[in-house]
Amino acid sequence: MMDDDDPGHRFRYKPQLDRPVVEVMDDTAPEVQGNTSLDFLQAVYRSADQPMHRRMRAAVAALPFEHPKLAVTAMVGDAEGFAKKLEAARERAAKAIELRKDEGFS
C-alpha cells in the first residue's frame, strides 16, 4: 500500500487489465484462406471475433500492400534514342529562332 503523504504516488504505473485473464488465454487466431502474411492480416481485420484494436492494427499493417502509394517513374528505352530526340528538338528550336530573325521579330 502507498501512503497518501507520498507526493509521487499518483504518477506511479498501475497495471490494469482491460479484459479478464481468462479471455486472454482463450485468444484464438482466425481461420486463414491462404498462406501469406497478407492473407493472415486480412483474416484478422475481417474477423468479427477479434477485438477492434487488433483489427485496426491488422488493417493498418495490410494497407500498404493492398493500396500501394502512387509513384512517378520514367521509362527510357535506350540512351541513343533519347539523344536523337533531344538533338531533333534542338534543331527545331534553332530553325524557329532563324525564322523569327528573318521576319524581324527579334
N, C-alpha and C. Protein backbone atom coordinates (compact mmCIF):
# COMPACT_ATOMS: atom_id res chain seq x y z
N MET A 1 0.83 -1.17 0.00
CA MET A 1 0.00 0.00 0.00
C MET A 1 0.88 1.24 0.00
N MET A 2 0.34 2.28 -0.59
CA MET A 2 1.09 3.52 -0.68
C MET A 2 0.50 4.52 0.31
N ASP A 3 1.39 5.30 0.85
CA ASP A 3 0.95 6.32 1.78
C ASP A 3 0.38 7.51 1.03
N ASP A 4 -0.62 8.14 1.60
CA ASP A 4 -1.21 9.32 0.97
C ASP A 4 -0.28 10.51 1.04
N ASP A 5 0.70 10.51 2.00
CA ASP A 5 1.61 11.65 2.08
C ASP A 5 2.72 11.55 1.03
N ASP A 6 2.79 10.47 0.29
CA ASP A 6 3.79 10.34 -0.78
C ASP A 6 3.31 11.13 -1.99
N PRO A 7 4.00 12.24 -2.36
CA PRO A 7 3.50 13.09 -3.44
C PRO A 7 3.57 12.43 -4.82
N GLY A 8 4.39 11.41 -4.98
CA GLY A 8 4.53 10.79 -6.30
C GLY A 8 3.64 9.59 -6.53
N HIS A 9 2.79 9.25 -5.57
CA HIS A 9 2.01 8.02 -5.72
C HIS A 9 1.00 8.09 -6.86
N ARG A 10 0.55 9.27 -7.25
CA ARG A 10 -0.41 9.38 -8.35
C ARG A 10 0.22 9.12 -9.70
N PHE A 11 1.54 9.23 -9.79
CA PHE A 11 2.20 9.12 -11.08
C PHE A 11 2.88 7.77 -11.29
N ARG A 12 2.79 6.89 -10.34
CA ARG A 12 3.41 5.58 -10.49
C ARG A 12 2.55 4.71 -11.39
N TYR A 13 3.20 3.81 -12.11
CA TYR A 13 2.49 2.92 -13.03
C TYR A 13 1.63 1.94 -12.25
N LYS A 14 0.37 1.85 -12.65
CA LYS A 14 -0.55 0.89 -12.05
C LYS A 14 -1.06 -0.01 -13.16
N PRO A 15 -0.61 -1.26 -13.21
CA PRO A 15 -1.06 -2.13 -14.30
C PRO A 15 -2.55 -2.42 -14.17
N GLN A 16 -3.24 -2.29 -15.28
CA GLN A 16 -4.66 -2.59 -15.31
C GLN A 16 -4.95 -3.45 -16.52
N LEU A 17 -5.78 -4.43 -16.33
CA LEU A 17 -6.18 -5.28 -17.44
C LEU A 17 -7.47 -4.74 -18.02
N ASP A 18 -7.49 -4.59 -19.35
CA ASP A 18 -8.71 -4.10 -19.98
C ASP A 18 -9.70 -5.23 -20.24
N ARG A 19 -9.26 -6.47 -20.04
CA ARG A 19 -10.16 -7.61 -20.14
C ARG A 19 -9.66 -8.72 -19.22
N PRO A 20 -10.50 -9.63 -18.85
CA PRO A 20 -10.10 -10.68 -17.90
C PRO A 20 -9.00 -11.57 -18.46
N VAL A 21 -8.22 -12.15 -17.55
CA VAL A 21 -7.10 -13.02 -17.93
C VAL A 21 -7.61 -14.25 -18.67
N VAL A 22 -8.77 -14.75 -18.31
CA VAL A 22 -9.33 -15.94 -18.96
C VAL A 22 -9.56 -15.66 -20.44
N GLU A 23 -10.03 -14.46 -20.77
CA GLU A 23 -10.26 -14.10 -22.15
C GLU A 23 -8.94 -14.05 -22.92
N VAL A 24 -7.88 -13.57 -22.30
CA VAL A 24 -6.57 -13.53 -22.96
C VAL A 24 -6.08 -14.94 -23.24
N MET A 25 -6.29 -15.84 -22.33
CA MET A 25 -5.83 -17.22 -22.51
C MET A 25 -6.65 -17.95 -23.57
N ASP A 26 -7.90 -17.58 -23.76
CA ASP A 26 -8.75 -18.23 -24.74
C ASP A 26 -8.62 -17.61 -26.13
N ASP A 27 -7.68 -16.69 -26.32
CA ASP A 27 -7.50 -16.00 -27.58
C ASP A 27 -7.13 -16.99 -28.68
N THR A 28 -7.83 -16.93 -29.81
CA THR A 28 -7.54 -17.83 -30.92
C THR A 28 -7.37 -17.03 -32.19
N ALA A 29 -6.64 -17.59 -33.12
CA ALA A 29 -6.42 -16.94 -34.40
C ALA A 29 -7.58 -17.25 -35.34
N PRO A 30 -7.88 -16.33 -36.26
CA PRO A 30 -8.97 -16.57 -37.21
C PRO A 30 -8.58 -17.62 -38.24
N GLU A 31 -9.57 -18.16 -38.92
CA GLU A 31 -9.33 -19.12 -40.00
C GLU A 31 -8.77 -18.37 -41.21
N VAL A 32 -7.62 -18.80 -41.73
CA VAL A 32 -6.93 -18.10 -42.82
C VAL A 32 -7.13 -18.86 -44.12
N GLN A 33 -7.54 -18.14 -45.18
CA GLN A 33 -7.73 -18.73 -46.50
C GLN A 33 -6.53 -18.43 -47.40
N GLY A 34 -5.35 -18.79 -47.01
CA GLY A 34 -4.14 -18.54 -47.79
C GLY A 34 -2.93 -18.81 -46.91
N ASN A 35 -1.76 -18.57 -47.45
CA ASN A 35 -0.57 -18.87 -46.68
C ASN A 35 0.42 -17.70 -46.61
N THR A 36 -0.02 -16.50 -46.95
CA THR A 36 0.89 -15.36 -46.87
C THR A 36 0.55 -14.52 -45.64
N SER A 37 1.46 -13.66 -45.28
CA SER A 37 1.21 -12.79 -44.13
C SER A 37 0.08 -11.81 -44.42
N LEU A 38 -0.07 -11.38 -45.68
CA LEU A 38 -1.18 -10.51 -46.05
C LEU A 38 -2.52 -11.23 -45.88
N ASP A 39 -2.57 -12.50 -46.24
CA ASP A 39 -3.80 -13.28 -46.03
C ASP A 39 -4.15 -13.34 -44.55
N PHE A 40 -3.14 -13.52 -43.71
CA PHE A 40 -3.38 -13.58 -42.27
C PHE A 40 -3.90 -12.24 -41.74
N LEU A 41 -3.26 -11.14 -42.15
CA LEU A 41 -3.71 -9.81 -41.71
C LEU A 41 -5.14 -9.53 -42.15
N GLN A 42 -5.46 -9.92 -43.38
CA GLN A 42 -6.82 -9.72 -43.87
C GLN A 42 -7.82 -10.55 -43.07
N ALA A 43 -7.44 -11.76 -42.72
CA ALA A 43 -8.34 -12.61 -41.92
C ALA A 43 -8.56 -12.00 -40.53
N VAL A 44 -7.52 -11.38 -39.97
CA VAL A 44 -7.65 -10.78 -38.64
C VAL A 44 -8.59 -9.59 -38.70
N TYR A 45 -8.39 -8.67 -39.67
CA TYR A 45 -9.23 -7.47 -39.65
C TYR A 45 -10.64 -7.73 -40.17
N ARG A 46 -10.87 -8.85 -40.81
CA ARG A 46 -12.22 -9.19 -41.25
C ARG A 46 -12.99 -10.01 -40.22
N SER A 47 -12.30 -10.49 -39.21
CA SER A 47 -12.93 -11.35 -38.21
C SER A 47 -13.65 -10.50 -37.15
N ALA A 48 -14.94 -10.73 -37.01
CA ALA A 48 -15.72 -10.00 -36.01
C ALA A 48 -15.43 -10.52 -34.60
N ASP A 49 -14.79 -11.67 -34.48
CA ASP A 49 -14.46 -12.23 -33.17
C ASP A 49 -13.26 -11.54 -32.53
N GLN A 50 -12.47 -10.84 -33.32
CA GLN A 50 -11.27 -10.17 -32.81
C GLN A 50 -11.65 -8.82 -32.21
N PRO A 51 -10.92 -8.37 -31.18
CA PRO A 51 -11.20 -7.04 -30.62
C PRO A 51 -10.86 -5.95 -31.65
N MET A 52 -11.54 -4.83 -31.53
CA MET A 52 -11.40 -3.76 -32.53
C MET A 52 -9.97 -3.24 -32.62
N HIS A 53 -9.25 -3.12 -31.50
CA HIS A 53 -7.88 -2.60 -31.58
C HIS A 53 -6.99 -3.52 -32.39
N ARG A 54 -7.20 -4.83 -32.29
CA ARG A 54 -6.39 -5.78 -33.06
C ARG A 54 -6.76 -5.70 -34.54
N ARG A 55 -8.05 -5.56 -34.83
CA ARG A 55 -8.49 -5.46 -36.21
C ARG A 55 -7.94 -4.19 -36.86
N MET A 56 -7.91 -3.08 -36.11
CA MET A 56 -7.37 -1.83 -36.64
C MET A 56 -5.88 -1.94 -36.93
N ARG A 57 -5.14 -2.56 -36.02
CA ARG A 57 -3.69 -2.71 -36.24
C ARG A 57 -3.41 -3.58 -37.45
N ALA A 58 -4.20 -4.64 -37.63
CA ALA A 58 -4.02 -5.51 -38.80
C ALA A 58 -4.36 -4.76 -40.08
N ALA A 59 -5.41 -3.94 -40.05
CA ALA A 59 -5.78 -3.17 -41.24
C ALA A 59 -4.70 -2.16 -41.60
N VAL A 60 -4.13 -1.50 -40.61
CA VAL A 60 -3.07 -0.53 -40.86
C VAL A 60 -1.82 -1.23 -41.42
N ALA A 61 -1.51 -2.41 -40.90
CA ALA A 61 -0.34 -3.14 -41.38
C ALA A 61 -0.54 -3.64 -42.81
N ALA A 62 -1.76 -3.99 -43.18
CA ALA A 62 -2.04 -4.51 -44.52
C ALA A 62 -2.21 -3.41 -45.56
N LEU A 63 -2.49 -2.21 -45.12
CA LEU A 63 -2.82 -1.10 -46.02
C LEU A 63 -1.79 -0.86 -47.12
N PRO A 64 -0.48 -0.79 -46.84
CA PRO A 64 0.48 -0.51 -47.92
C PRO A 64 0.53 -1.60 -48.98
N PHE A 65 0.11 -2.82 -48.64
CA PHE A 65 0.16 -3.92 -49.60
C PHE A 65 -1.12 -4.02 -50.41
N GLU A 66 -2.21 -3.48 -49.90
CA GLU A 66 -3.47 -3.50 -50.62
C GLU A 66 -3.64 -2.27 -51.51
N HIS A 67 -3.15 -1.14 -51.06
CA HIS A 67 -3.26 0.12 -51.80
C HIS A 67 -1.89 0.80 -51.82
N PRO A 68 -1.00 0.39 -52.73
CA PRO A 68 0.34 0.99 -52.75
C PRO A 68 0.30 2.46 -53.12
N LYS A 69 1.30 3.20 -52.67
CA LYS A 69 1.40 4.62 -52.99
C LYS A 69 1.72 4.79 -54.47
N LEU A 70 1.17 5.84 -55.03
CA LEU A 70 1.45 6.13 -56.43
C LEU A 70 2.83 6.78 -56.54
N ALA A 71 3.58 6.40 -57.53
CA ALA A 71 4.91 6.97 -57.73
C ALA A 71 5.10 7.27 -59.21
N VAL A 72 5.94 8.23 -59.49
CA VAL A 72 6.24 8.59 -60.87
C VAL A 72 7.54 7.91 -61.26
N THR A 73 7.49 7.19 -62.37
CA THR A 73 8.70 6.55 -62.87
C THR A 73 8.86 6.90 -64.34
N ALA A 74 10.08 7.02 -64.78
CA ALA A 74 10.36 7.33 -66.18
C ALA A 74 10.96 6.11 -66.83
N MET A 75 10.44 5.78 -67.98
CA MET A 75 10.96 4.64 -68.72
C MET A 75 11.68 5.18 -69.96
N VAL A 76 12.99 5.05 -69.96
CA VAL A 76 13.78 5.49 -71.10
C VAL A 76 14.31 4.23 -71.76
N GLY A 77 13.90 4.02 -73.02
CA GLY A 77 14.28 2.79 -73.72
C GLY A 77 15.78 2.64 -73.87
N ASP A 78 16.37 3.47 -74.70
CA ASP A 78 17.82 3.42 -74.88
C ASP A 78 18.35 4.85 -74.92
N ALA A 79 19.55 5.02 -74.48
CA ALA A 79 20.14 6.35 -74.39
C ALA A 79 20.32 6.98 -75.77
N GLU A 80 20.60 6.18 -76.80
CA GLU A 80 20.80 6.72 -78.13
C GLU A 80 19.50 7.29 -78.68
N GLY A 81 18.37 6.65 -78.43
CA GLY A 81 17.08 7.16 -78.87
C GLY A 81 16.76 8.49 -78.22
N PHE A 82 17.05 8.62 -76.94
CA PHE A 82 16.81 9.86 -76.22
C PHE A 82 17.70 10.97 -76.77
N ALA A 83 18.96 10.64 -77.06
CA ALA A 83 19.89 11.64 -77.60
C ALA A 83 19.42 12.13 -78.97
N LYS A 84 18.90 11.22 -79.79
CA LYS A 84 18.39 11.62 -81.11
C LYS A 84 17.20 12.55 -80.96
N LYS A 85 16.29 12.24 -80.06
CA LYS A 85 15.11 13.10 -79.84
C LYS A 85 15.52 14.48 -79.33
N LEU A 86 16.51 14.52 -78.45
CA LEU A 86 16.98 15.79 -77.92
C LEU A 86 17.62 16.64 -79.02
N GLU A 87 18.43 16.00 -79.84
CA GLU A 87 19.08 16.73 -80.95
C GLU A 87 18.05 17.25 -81.95
N ALA A 88 17.03 16.45 -82.25
CA ALA A 88 15.98 16.90 -83.17
C ALA A 88 15.23 18.09 -82.59
N ALA A 89 14.98 18.09 -81.29
CA ALA A 89 14.30 19.22 -80.65
C ALA A 89 15.17 20.47 -80.71
N ARG A 90 16.47 20.32 -80.53
CA ARG A 90 17.38 21.48 -80.64
C ARG A 90 17.39 22.05 -82.05
N GLU A 91 17.38 21.17 -83.04
CA GLU A 91 17.37 21.64 -84.43
C GLU A 91 16.08 22.40 -84.74
N ARG A 92 14.93 21.89 -84.26
CA ARG A 92 13.66 22.59 -84.47
C ARG A 92 13.67 23.96 -83.80
N ALA A 93 14.25 24.03 -82.62
CA ALA A 93 14.32 25.31 -81.91
C ALA A 93 15.22 26.29 -82.66
N ALA A 94 16.33 25.80 -83.21
CA ALA A 94 17.24 26.67 -83.97
C ALA A 94 16.56 27.19 -85.23
N LYS A 95 15.78 26.35 -85.91
CA LYS A 95 15.05 26.79 -87.10
C LYS A 95 14.02 27.86 -86.74
N ALA A 96 13.33 27.68 -85.63
CA ALA A 96 12.33 28.66 -85.20
C ALA A 96 12.99 30.00 -84.90
N ILE A 97 14.16 29.98 -84.30
CA ILE A 97 14.88 31.22 -83.99
C ILE A 97 15.30 31.91 -85.27
N GLU A 98 15.79 31.15 -86.27
CA GLU A 98 16.19 31.73 -87.56
C GLU A 98 15.00 32.36 -88.27
N LEU A 99 13.84 31.68 -88.25
CA LEU A 99 12.65 32.23 -88.90
C LEU A 99 12.21 33.53 -88.25
N ARG A 100 12.31 33.63 -86.97
CA ARG A 100 11.92 34.86 -86.26
C ARG A 100 12.88 35.99 -86.64
N LYS A 101 14.16 35.68 -86.78
CA LYS A 101 15.12 36.73 -87.18
C LYS A 101 14.84 37.21 -88.58
N ASP A 102 14.52 36.26 -89.49
CA ASP A 102 14.25 36.62 -90.89
C ASP A 102 13.00 37.50 -91.00
N GLU A 103 12.01 37.26 -90.14
CA GLU A 103 10.77 38.02 -90.22
C GLU A 103 10.85 39.32 -89.41
N GLY A 104 11.93 39.55 -88.70
CA GLY A 104 12.13 40.79 -87.96
C GLY A 104 11.46 40.84 -86.60
N PHE A 105 11.24 39.70 -85.96
CA PHE A 105 10.62 39.66 -84.64
C PHE A 105 11.60 39.77 -83.50
N SER A 106 12.87 39.82 -83.75
CA SER A 106 13.83 39.81 -82.65
C SER A 106 14.08 41.17 -82.05
